[in-house]
Amino acid sequence: MSTLVVLIAAMALVAFVLYWSGRYGVRGRSSGTSLRRGRNAHTTVTGRPKVPYATRDEAAAQARLLSQRDGVTMSPYQCTTCAKWHVGH
């Protein structure tokens, strides 16, 4: 009976991990990044560190270049984690 309980618990754990990684994981994510990315995540979707800019003007200039290159609107924002400026969608 206890073997059955352990087997069921192990299967439930595997199912939970697969569900969690499928919901919060991202393909191409490098190891060491959080599965659950939130507003304060300090890495990109692919797991690379975000590029910090010292001033809003530097970040705005980069946002304009990226917007023109990719055709997607990018804008600067101040990071709550490091207090530097980053560029995002």
PDB file of N, CA and C in Angstrom:
ATOM      1  N   MET A   1       0.819  -1.197   0.000  1.00  0.00           N
ATOM      2  CA  MET A   1       0.000   0.000   0.000  1.00  0.00           C
ATOM      3  C   MET A   1       0.863   1.262   0.000  1.00  0.00           C
ATOM      4  N   SER A   2       1.938   1.286   0.825  1.00  0.00           N
ATOM      5  CA  SER A   2       2.775   2.479   0.887  1.00  0.00           C
ATOM      6  C   SER A   2       3.533   2.694  -0.420  1.00  0.00           C
ATOM      7  N   THR A   3       3.847   1.606  -1.132  1.00  0.00           N
ATOM      8  CA  THR A   3       4.506   1.725  -2.430  1.00  0.00           C
ATOM      9  C   THR A   3       3.586   2.437  -3.423  1.00  0.00           C
ATOM     10  N   LEU A   4       2.334   2.117  -3.379  1.00  0.00           N
ATOM     11  CA  LEU A   4       1.342   2.740  -4.258  1.00  0.00           C
ATOM     12  C   LEU A   4       1.219   4.233  -3.956  1.00  0.00           C
ATOM     13  N   VAL A   5       1.225   4.602  -2.699  1.00  0.00           N
ATOM     14  CA  VAL A   5       1.131   6.007  -2.299  1.00  0.00           C
ATOM     15  C   VAL A   5       2.355   6.779  -2.792  1.00  0.00           C
ATOM     16  N   VAL A   6       3.542   6.187  -2.650  1.00  0.00           N
ATOM     17  CA  VAL A   6       4.769   6.838  -3.100  1.00  0.00           C
ATOM     18  C   VAL A   6       4.747   6.990  -4.621  1.00  0.00           C
ATOM     19  N   LEU A   7       4.292   5.953  -5.317  1.00  0.00           N
ATOM     20  CA  LEU A   7       4.209   6.007  -6.775  1.00  0.00           C
ATOM     21  C   LEU A   7       3.247   7.098  -7.236  1.00  0.00           C
ATOM     22  N   ILE A   8       2.103   7.198  -6.612  1.00  0.00           N
ATOM     23  CA  ILE A   8       1.121   8.235  -6.963  1.00  0.00           C
ATOM     24  C   ILE A   8       1.679   9.622  -6.665  1.00  0.00           C
ATOM     25  N   ALA A   9       2.360   9.783  -5.536  1.00  0.00           N
ATOM     26  CA  ALA A   9       2.951  11.081  -5.195  1.00  0.00           C
ATOM     27  C   ALA A   9       4.035  11.465  -6.202  1.00  0.00           C
ATOM     28  N   ALA A  10       4.846  10.494  -6.622  1.00  0.00           N
ATOM     29  CA  ALA A  10       5.899  10.772  -7.604  1.00  0.00           C
ATOM     30  C   ALA A  10       5.297  11.162  -8.943  1.00  0.00           C
ATOM     31  N   MET A  11       4.241  10.481  -9.368  1.00  0.00           N
ATOM     32  CA  MET A  11       3.587  10.818 -10.636  1.00  0.00           C
ATOM     33  C   MET A  11       2.943  12.200 -10.563  1.00  0.00           C
ATOM     34  N   ALA A  12       2.362  12.540  -9.431  1.00  0.00           N
ATOM     35  CA  ALA A  12       1.762  13.862  -9.258  1.00  0.00           C
ATOM     36  C   ALA A  12       2.830  14.945  -9.313  1.00  0.00           C
ATOM     37  N   LEU A  13       3.973  14.692  -8.710  1.00  0.00           N
ATOM     38  CA  LEU A  13       5.069  15.660  -8.740  1.00  0.00           C
ATOM     39  C   LEU A  13       5.574  15.872 -10.162  1.00  0.00           C
ATOM     40  N   VAL A  14       5.748  14.792 -10.919  1.00  0.00           N
ATOM     41  CA  VAL A  14       6.201  14.906 -12.308  1.00  0.00           C
ATOM     42  C   VAL A  14       5.171  15.683 -13.126  1.00  0.00           C
ATOM     43  N   ALA A  15       3.900  15.382 -12.956  1.00  0.00           N
ATOM     44  CA  ALA A  15       2.847  16.097 -13.684  1.00  0.00           C
ATOM     45  C   ALA A  15       2.852  17.583 -13.342  1.00  0.00           C
ATOM     46  N   PHE A  16       3.042  17.911 -12.069  1.00  0.00           N
ATOM     47  CA  PHE A  16       3.073  19.310 -11.650  1.00  0.00           C
ATOM     48  C   PHE A  16       4.261  20.041 -12.268  1.00  0.00           C
ATOM     49  N   VAL A  17       5.431  19.418 -12.267  1.00  0.00           N
ATOM     50  CA  VAL A  17       6.622  20.049 -12.843  1.00  0.00           C
ATOM     51  C   VAL A  17       6.424  20.287 -14.338  1.00  0.00           C
ATOM     52  N   LEU A  18       5.879  19.307 -15.048  1.00  0.00           N
ATOM     53  CA  LEU A  18       5.630  19.492 -16.478  1.00  0.00           C
ATOM     54  C   LEU A  18       4.615  20.600 -16.729  1.00  0.00           C
ATOM     55  N   TYR A  19       3.569  20.654 -15.924  1.00  0.00           N
ATOM     56  CA  TYR A  19       2.574  21.718 -16.054  1.00  0.00           C
ATOM     57  C   TYR A  19       3.207  23.075 -15.793  1.00  0.00           C
ATOM     58  N   TRP A  20       3.950  23.190 -14.714  1.00  0.00           N
ATOM     59  CA  TRP A  20       4.562  24.461 -14.316  1.00  0.00           C
ATOM     60  C   TRP A  20       5.541  24.949 -15.373  1.00  0.00           C
ATOM     61  N   SER A  21       6.426  24.073 -15.872  1.00  0.00           N
ATOM     62  CA  SER A  21       7.423  24.489 -16.847  1.00  0.00           C
ATOM     63  C   SER A  21       6.770  24.831 -18.175  1.00  0.00           C
ATOM     64  N   GLY A  22       5.692  24.148 -18.520  1.00  0.00           N
ATOM     65  CA  GLY A  22       4.994  24.481 -19.752  1.00  0.00           C
ATOM     66  C   GLY A  22       4.274  25.804 -19.665  1.00  0.00           C
ATOM     67  N   ARG A  23       3.830  26.158 -18.488  1.00  0.00           N
ATOM     68  CA  ARG A  23       3.086  27.407 -18.314  1.00  0.00           C
ATOM     69  C   ARG A  23       4.006  28.608 -18.169  1.00  0.00           C
ATOM     70  N   TYR A  24       5.092  28.437 -17.430  1.00  0.00           N
ATOM     71  CA  TYR A  24       5.951  29.574 -17.135  1.00  0.00           C
ATOM     72  C   TYR A  24       7.309  29.507 -17.825  1.00  0.00           C
ATOM     73  N   GLY A  25       7.672  28.381 -18.353  1.00  0.00           N
ATOM     74  CA  GLY A  25       8.954  28.251 -19.027  1.00  0.00           C
ATOM     75  C   GLY A  25       8.895  28.842 -20.430  1.00  0.00           C
ATOM     76  N   VAL A  26      10.034  29.135 -20.993  1.00  0.00           N
ATOM     77  CA  VAL A  26      10.117  29.701 -22.327  1.00  0.00           C
ATOM     78  C   VAL A  26      11.174  28.922 -23.087  1.00  0.00           C
ATOM     79  N   ARG A  27      10.870  28.524 -24.313  1.00  0.00           N
ATOM     80  CA  ARG A  27      11.868  27.824 -25.110  1.00  0.00           C
ATOM     81  C   ARG A  27      13.067  28.733 -25.329  1.00  0.00           C
ATOM     82  N   GLY A  28      14.256  28.165 -25.290  1.00  0.00           N
ATOM     83  CA  GLY A  28      15.460  28.949 -25.481  1.00  0.00           C
ATOM     84  C   GLY A  28      15.960  29.596 -24.207  1.00  0.00           C
ATOM     85  N   ARG A  29      15.250  29.379 -23.100  1.00  0.00           N
ATOM     86  CA  ARG A  29      15.634  29.967 -21.823  1.00  0.00           C
ATOM     87  C   ARG A  29      16.911  29.313 -21.345  1.00  0.00           C
ATOM     88  N   SER A  30      17.894  30.106 -20.949  1.00  0.00           N
ATOM     89  CA  SER A  30      19.136  29.539 -20.438  1.00  0.00           C
ATOM     90  C   SER A  30      18.958  29.136 -18.984  1.00  0.00           C
ATOM     91  N   SER A  31      19.796  28.230 -18.543  1.00  0.00           N
ATOM     92  CA  SER A  31      19.666  27.758 -17.170  1.00  0.00           C
ATOM     93  C   SER A  31      19.969  28.892 -16.199  1.00  0.00           C
ATOM     94  N   GLY A  32      19.393  28.824 -15.036  1.00  0.00           N
ATOM     95  CA  GLY A  32      19.641  29.827 -14.018  1.00  0.00           C
ATOM     96  C   GLY A  32      18.624  30.947 -14.002  1.00  0.00           C
ATOM     97  N   THR A  33      17.704  30.960 -14.958  1.00  0.00           N
ATOM     98  CA  THR A  33      16.680  31.999 -14.946  1.00  0.00           C
ATOM     99  C   THR A  33      15.419  31.452 -14.305  1.00  0.00           C
ATOM    100  N   SER A  34      14.609  32.329 -13.826  1.00  0.00           N
ATOM    101  CA  SER A  34      13.388  31.936 -13.148  1.00  0.00           C
ATOM    102  C   SER A  34      12.375  31.382 -14.140  1.00  0.00           C
ATOM    103  N   LEU A  35      11.694  30.305 -13.767  1.00  0.00           N
ATOM    104  CA  LEU A  35      10.627  29.798 -14.618  1.00  0.00           C
ATOM    105  C   LEU A  35       9.458  30.774 -14.644  1.00  0.00           C
ATOM    106  N   ARG A  36       9.219  31.415 -13.511  1.00  0.00           N
ATOM    107  CA  ARG A  36       8.120  32.363 -13.453  1.00  0.00           C
ATOM    108  C   ARG A  36       8.685  33.765 -13.564  1.00  0.00           C
ATOM    109  N   ARG A  37       8.584  34.316 -14.757  1.00  0.00           N
ATOM    110  CA  ARG A  37       9.105  35.651 -14.980  1.00  0.00           C
ATOM    111  C   ARG A  37       8.025  36.666 -14.624  1.00  0.00           C
ATOM    112  N   GLY A  38       8.410  37.669 -13.958  1.00  0.00           N
ATOM    113  CA  GLY A  38       7.444  38.683 -13.575  1.00  0.00           C
ATOM    114  C   GLY A  38       7.932  40.056 -13.968  1.00  0.00           C
ATOM    115  N   ARG A  39       7.265  41.056 -13.462  1.00  0.00           N
ATOM    116  CA  ARG A  39       7.586  42.435 -13.771  1.00  0.00           C
ATOM    117  C   ARG A  39       9.003  42.796 -13.330  1.00  0.00           C
ATOM    118  N   ASN A  40       9.494  42.169 -12.272  1.00  0.00           N
ATOM    119  CA  ASN A  40      10.815  42.502 -11.750  1.00  0.00           C
ATOM    120  C   ASN A  40      11.902  41.548 -12.219  1.00  0.00           C
ATOM    121  N   ALA A  41      11.605  40.680 -13.180  1.00  0.00           N
ATOM    122  CA  ALA A  41      12.626  39.773 -13.700  1.00  0.00           C
ATOM    123  C   ALA A  41      13.724  40.604 -14.346  1.00  0.00           C
ATOM    124  N   HIS A  42      14.957  40.269 -14.081  1.00  0.00           N
ATOM    125  CA  HIS A  42      16.069  41.064 -14.592  1.00  0.00           C
ATOM    126  C   HIS A  42      16.787  40.359 -15.733  1.00  0.00           C
ATOM    127  N   THR A  43      16.041  39.514 -16.452  1.00  0.00           N
ATOM    128  CA  THR A  43      16.566  38.852 -17.631  1.00  0.00           C
ATOM    129  C   THR A  43      15.537  38.968 -18.745  1.00  0.00           C
ATOM    130  N   THR A  44      16.008  38.798 -19.976  1.00  0.00           N
ATOM    131  CA  THR A  44      15.098  38.813 -21.114  1.00  0.00           C
ATOM    132  C   THR A  44      14.360  37.492 -21.175  1.00  0.00           C
ATOM    133  N   VAL A  45      13.454  37.359 -22.120  1.00  0.00           N
ATOM    134  CA  VAL A  45      12.685  36.131 -22.280  1.00  0.00           C
ATOM    135  C   VAL A  45      13.610  34.945 -22.549  1.00  0.00           C
ATOM    136  N   THR A  46      14.727  35.179 -23.240  1.00  0.00           N
ATOM    137  CA  THR A  46      15.652  34.093 -23.559  1.00  0.00           C
ATOM    138  C   THR A  46      16.658  33.833 -22.451  1.00  0.00           C
ATOM    139  N   GLY A  47      16.564  34.584 -21.345  1.00  0.00           N
ATOM    140  CA  GLY A  47      17.442  34.349 -20.214  1.00  0.00           C
ATOM    141  C   GLY A  47      18.696  35.210 -20.182  1.00  0.00           C
ATOM    142  N   ARG A  48      18.851  36.073 -21.153  1.00  0.00           N
ATOM    143  CA  ARG A  48      20.023  36.954 -21.168  1.00  0.00           C
ATOM    144  C   ARG A  48      19.778  38.140 -20.238  1.00  0.00           C
ATOM    145  N   PRO A  49      20.847  38.681 -19.641  1.00  0.00           N
ATOM    146  CA  PRO A  49      20.667  39.857 -18.776  1.00  0.00           C
ATOM    147  C   PRO A  49      20.172  41.059 -19.586  1.00  0.00           C
ATOM    148  N   LYS A  50      19.322  41.860 -18.984  1.00  0.00           N
ATOM    149  CA  LYS A  50      18.850  43.074 -19.654  1.00  0.00           C
ATOM    150  C   LYS A  50      19.985  44.091 -19.749  1.00  0.00           C
ATOM    151  N   VAL A  51      19.996  44.866 -20.828  1.00  0.00           N
ATOM    152  CA  VAL A  51      21.038  45.876 -21.034  1.00  0.00           C
ATOM    153  C   VAL A  51      20.681  47.119 -20.235  1.00  0.00           C
ATOM    154  N   PRO A  52      21.564  47.548 -19.325  1.00  0.00           N
ATOM    155  CA  PRO A  52      21.272  48.755 -18.534  1.00  0.00           C
ATOM    156  C   PRO A  52      21.801  50.015 -19.223  1.00  0.00           C
ATOM    157  N   TYR A  53      21.060  51.096 -19.106  1.00  0.00           N
ATOM    158  CA  TYR A  53      21.491  52.406 -19.604  1.00  0.00           C
ATOM    159  C   TYR A  53      21.486  53.364 -18.417  1.00  0.00           C
ATOM    160  N   ALA A  54      22.497  54.224 -18.356  1.00  0.00           N
ATOM    161  CA  ALA A  54      22.647  55.121 -17.212  1.00  0.00           C
ATOM    162  C   ALA A  54      21.577  56.213 -17.182  1.00  0.00           C
ATOM    163  N   THR A  55      21.170  56.675 -18.372  1.00  0.00           N
ATOM    164  CA  THR A  55      20.199  57.770 -18.428  1.00  0.00           C
ATOM    165  C   THR A  55      19.004  57.394 -19.301  1.00  0.00           C
ATOM    166  N   ARG A  56      17.933  58.126 -19.104  1.00  0.00           N
ATOM    167  CA  ARG A  56      16.736  57.911 -19.924  1.00  0.00           C
ATOM    168  C   ARG A  56      17.011  58.254 -21.377  1.00  0.00           C
ATOM    169  N   ASP A  57      17.823  59.288 -21.619  1.00  0.00           N
ATOM    170  CA  ASP A  57      18.131  59.695 -22.990  1.00  0.00           C
ATOM    171  C   ASP A  57      18.863  58.595 -23.761  1.00  0.00           C
ATOM    172  N   GLU A  58      19.814  57.912 -23.113  1.00  0.00           N
ATOM    173  CA  GLU A  58      20.521  56.805 -23.767  1.00  0.00           C
ATOM    174  C   GLU A  58      19.545  55.682 -24.122  1.00  0.00           C
ATOM    175  N   ALA A  59      18.679  55.348 -23.183  1.00  0.00           N
ATOM    176  CA  ALA A  59      17.705  54.289 -23.418  1.00  0.00           C
ATOM    177  C   ALA A  59      16.707  54.683 -24.505  1.00  0.00           C
ATOM    178  N   ALA A  60      16.297  55.955 -24.534  1.00  0.00           N
ATOM    179  CA  ALA A  60      15.354  56.424 -25.554  1.00  0.00           C
ATOM    180  C   ALA A  60      15.980  56.370 -26.944  1.00  0.00           C
ATOM    181  N   ALA A  61      17.255  56.722 -27.034  1.00  0.00           N
ATOM    182  CA  ALA A  61      17.953  56.655 -28.323  1.00  0.00           C
ATOM    183  C   ALA A  61      18.017  55.206 -28.819  1.00  0.00           C
ATOM    184  N   GLN A  62      18.326  54.294 -27.929  1.00  0.00           N
ATOM    185  CA  GLN A  62      18.372  52.872 -28.299  1.00  0.00           C
ATOM    186  C   GLN A  62      16.981  52.364 -28.671  1.00  0.00           C
ATOM    187  N   ALA A  63      15.962  52.815 -27.957  1.00  0.00           N
ATOM    188  CA  ALA A  63      14.588  52.410 -28.260  1.00  0.00           C
ATOM    189  C   ALA A  63      14.186  52.861 -29.662  1.00  0.00           C
ATOM    190  N   ARG A  64      14.581  54.079 -30.041  1.00  0.00           N
ATOM    191  CA  ARG A  64      14.283  54.567 -31.393  1.00  0.00           C
ATOM    192  C   ARG A  64      14.966  53.708 -32.453  1.00  0.00           C
ATOM    193  N   LEU A  65      16.232  53.373 -32.226  1.00  0.00           N
ATOM    194  CA  LEU A  65      16.961  52.529 -33.177  1.00  0.00           C
ATOM    195  C   LEU A  65      16.306  51.150 -33.313  1.00  0.00           C
ATOM    196  N   LEU A  66      15.964  50.544 -32.184  1.00  0.00           N
ATOM    197  CA  LEU A  66      15.339  49.226 -32.217  1.00  0.00           C
ATOM    198  C   LEU A  66      13.957  49.277 -32.867  1.00  0.00           C
ATOM    199  N   SER A  67      13.218  50.338 -32.618  1.00  0.00           N
ATOM    200  CA  SER A  67      11.888  50.488 -33.215  1.00  0.00           C
ATOM    201  C   SER A  67      11.989  50.583 -34.728  1.00  0.00           C
ATOM    202  N   GLN A  68      12.962  51.350 -35.207  1.00  0.00           N
ATOM    203  CA  GLN A  68      13.150  51.482 -36.651  1.00  0.00           C
ATOM    204  C   GLN A  68      13.626  50.172 -37.264  1.00  0.00           C
ATOM    205  N   ARG A  69      14.545  49.492 -36.587  1.00  0.00           N
ATOM    206  CA  ARG A  69      15.111  48.254 -37.114  1.00  0.00           C
ATOM    207  C   ARG A  69      14.082  47.128 -37.157  1.00  0.00           C
ATOM    208  N   ASP A  70      13.323  46.964 -36.060  1.00  0.00           N
ATOM    209  CA  ASP A  70      12.411  45.835 -35.941  1.00  0.00           C
ATOM    210  C   ASP A  70      10.977  46.141 -36.342  1.00  0.00           C
ATOM    211  N   GLY A  71      10.637  47.421 -36.448  1.00  0.00           N
ATOM    212  CA  GLY A  71       9.269  47.788 -36.788  1.00  0.00           C
ATOM    213  C   GLY A  71       8.282  47.583 -35.656  1.00  0.00           C
ATOM    214  N   VAL A  72       8.786  47.495 -34.430  1.00  0.00           N
ATOM    215  CA  VAL A  72       7.950  47.309 -33.241  1.00  0.00           C
ATOM    216  C   VAL A  72       8.225  48.474 -32.297  1.00  0.00           C
ATOM    217  N   THR A  73       7.193  49.033 -31.716  1.00  0.00           N
ATOM    218  CA  THR A  73       7.373  50.163 -30.811  1.00  0.00           C
ATOM    219  C   THR A  73       8.096  49.724 -29.544  1.00  0.00           C
ATOM    220  N   MET A  74       9.225  50.369 -29.262  1.00  0.00           N
ATOM    221  CA  MET A  74      10.005  50.107 -28.057  1.00  0.00           C
ATOM    222  C   MET A  74      10.049  51.403 -27.253  1.00  0.00           C
ATOM    223  N   SER A  75      10.141  51.270 -25.937  1.00  0.00           N
ATOM    224  CA  SER A  75      10.191  52.469 -25.110  1.00  0.00           C
ATOM    225  C   SER A  75      11.097  52.237 -23.903  1.00  0.00           C
ATOM    226  N   PRO A  76      11.677  53.316 -23.380  1.00  0.00           N
ATOM    227  CA  PRO A  76      12.541  53.187 -22.201  1.00  0.00           C
ATOM    228  C   PRO A  76      11.697  53.125 -20.925  1.00  0.00           C
ATOM    229  N   TYR A  77      12.223  52.430 -19.918  1.00  0.00           N
ATOM    230  CA  TYR A  77      11.571  52.403 -18.609  1.00  0.00           C
ATOM    231  C   TYR A  77      12.639  52.246 -17.539  1.00  0.00           C
ATOM    232  N   GLN A  78      12.354  52.765 -16.360  1.00  0.00           N
ATOM    233  CA  GLN A  78      13.301  52.660 -15.259  1.00  0.00           C
ATOM    234  C   GLN A  78      13.030  51.363 -14.499  1.00  0.00           C
ATOM    235  N   CYS A  79      14.078  50.600 -14.293  1.00  0.00           N
ATOM    236  CA  CYS A  79      13.979  49.285 -13.652  1.00  0.00           C
ATOM    237  C   CYS A  79      13.828  49.438 -12.137  1.00  0.00           C
ATOM    238  N   THR A  80      12.899  48.686 -11.572  1.00  0.00           N
ATOM    239  CA  THR A  80      12.708  48.717 -10.123  1.00  0.00           C
ATOM    240  C   THR A  80      13.730  47.837  -9.407  1.00  0.00           C
ATOM    241  N   THR A  81      14.421  46.976 -10.148  1.00  0.00           N
ATOM    242  CA  THR A  81      15.414  46.091  -9.553  1.00  0.00           C
ATOM    243  C   THR A  81      16.775  46.770  -9.412  1.00  0.00           C
ATOM    244  N   CYS A  82      17.232  47.451 -10.499  1.00  0.00           N
ATOM    245  CA  CYS A  82      18.575  48.027 -10.487  1.00  0.00           C
ATOM    246  C   CYS A  82      18.588  49.560 -10.570  1.00  0.00           C
ATOM    247  N   ALA A  83      17.435  50.187 -10.763  1.00  0.00           N
ATOM    248  CA  ALA A  83      17.276  51.636 -10.868  1.00  0.00           C
ATOM    249  C   ALA A  83      17.942  52.220 -12.102  1.00  0.00           C
ATOM    250  N   LYS A  84      18.383  51.374 -13.035  1.00  0.00           N
ATOM    251  CA  LYS A  84      18.905  51.847 -14.323  1.00  0.00           C
ATOM    252  C   LYS A  84      17.757  51.879 -15.316  1.00  0.00           C
ATOM    253  N   TRP A  85      18.051  52.268 -16.541  1.00  0.00           N
ATOM    254  CA  TRP A  85      17.042  52.325 -17.594  1.00  0.00           C
ATOM    255  C   TRP A  85      17.204  51.149 -18.540  1.00  0.00           C
ATOM    256  N   HIS A  86      16.088  50.582 -18.990  1.00  0.00           N
ATOM    257  CA  HIS A  86      16.078  49.487 -19.954  1.00  0.00           C
ATOM    258  C   HIS A  86      15.135  49.849 -21.089  1.00  0.00           C
ATOM    259  N   VAL A  87      15.158  49.058 -22.170  1.00  0.00           N
ATOM    260  CA  VAL A  87      14.279  49.254 -23.296  1.00  0.00           C
ATOM    261  C   VAL A  87      13.361  48.042 -23.397  1.00  0.00           C
ATOM    262  N   GLY A  88      12.078  48.287 -23.566  1.00  0.00           N
ATOM    263  CA  GLY A  88      11.119  47.177 -23.663  1.00  0.00           C
ATOM    264  C   GLY A  88       9.939  47.509 -24.539  1.00  0.00           C
ATOM    265  N   HIS A  89       9.078  46.518 -24.722  1.00  0.00           N
ATOM    266  CA  HIS A  89       7.882  46.682 -25.563  1.00  0.00           C
ATOM    267  C   HIS A  89       6.847  47.479 -24.798  1.00  0.00           C
TER     268      HIS A  89
END
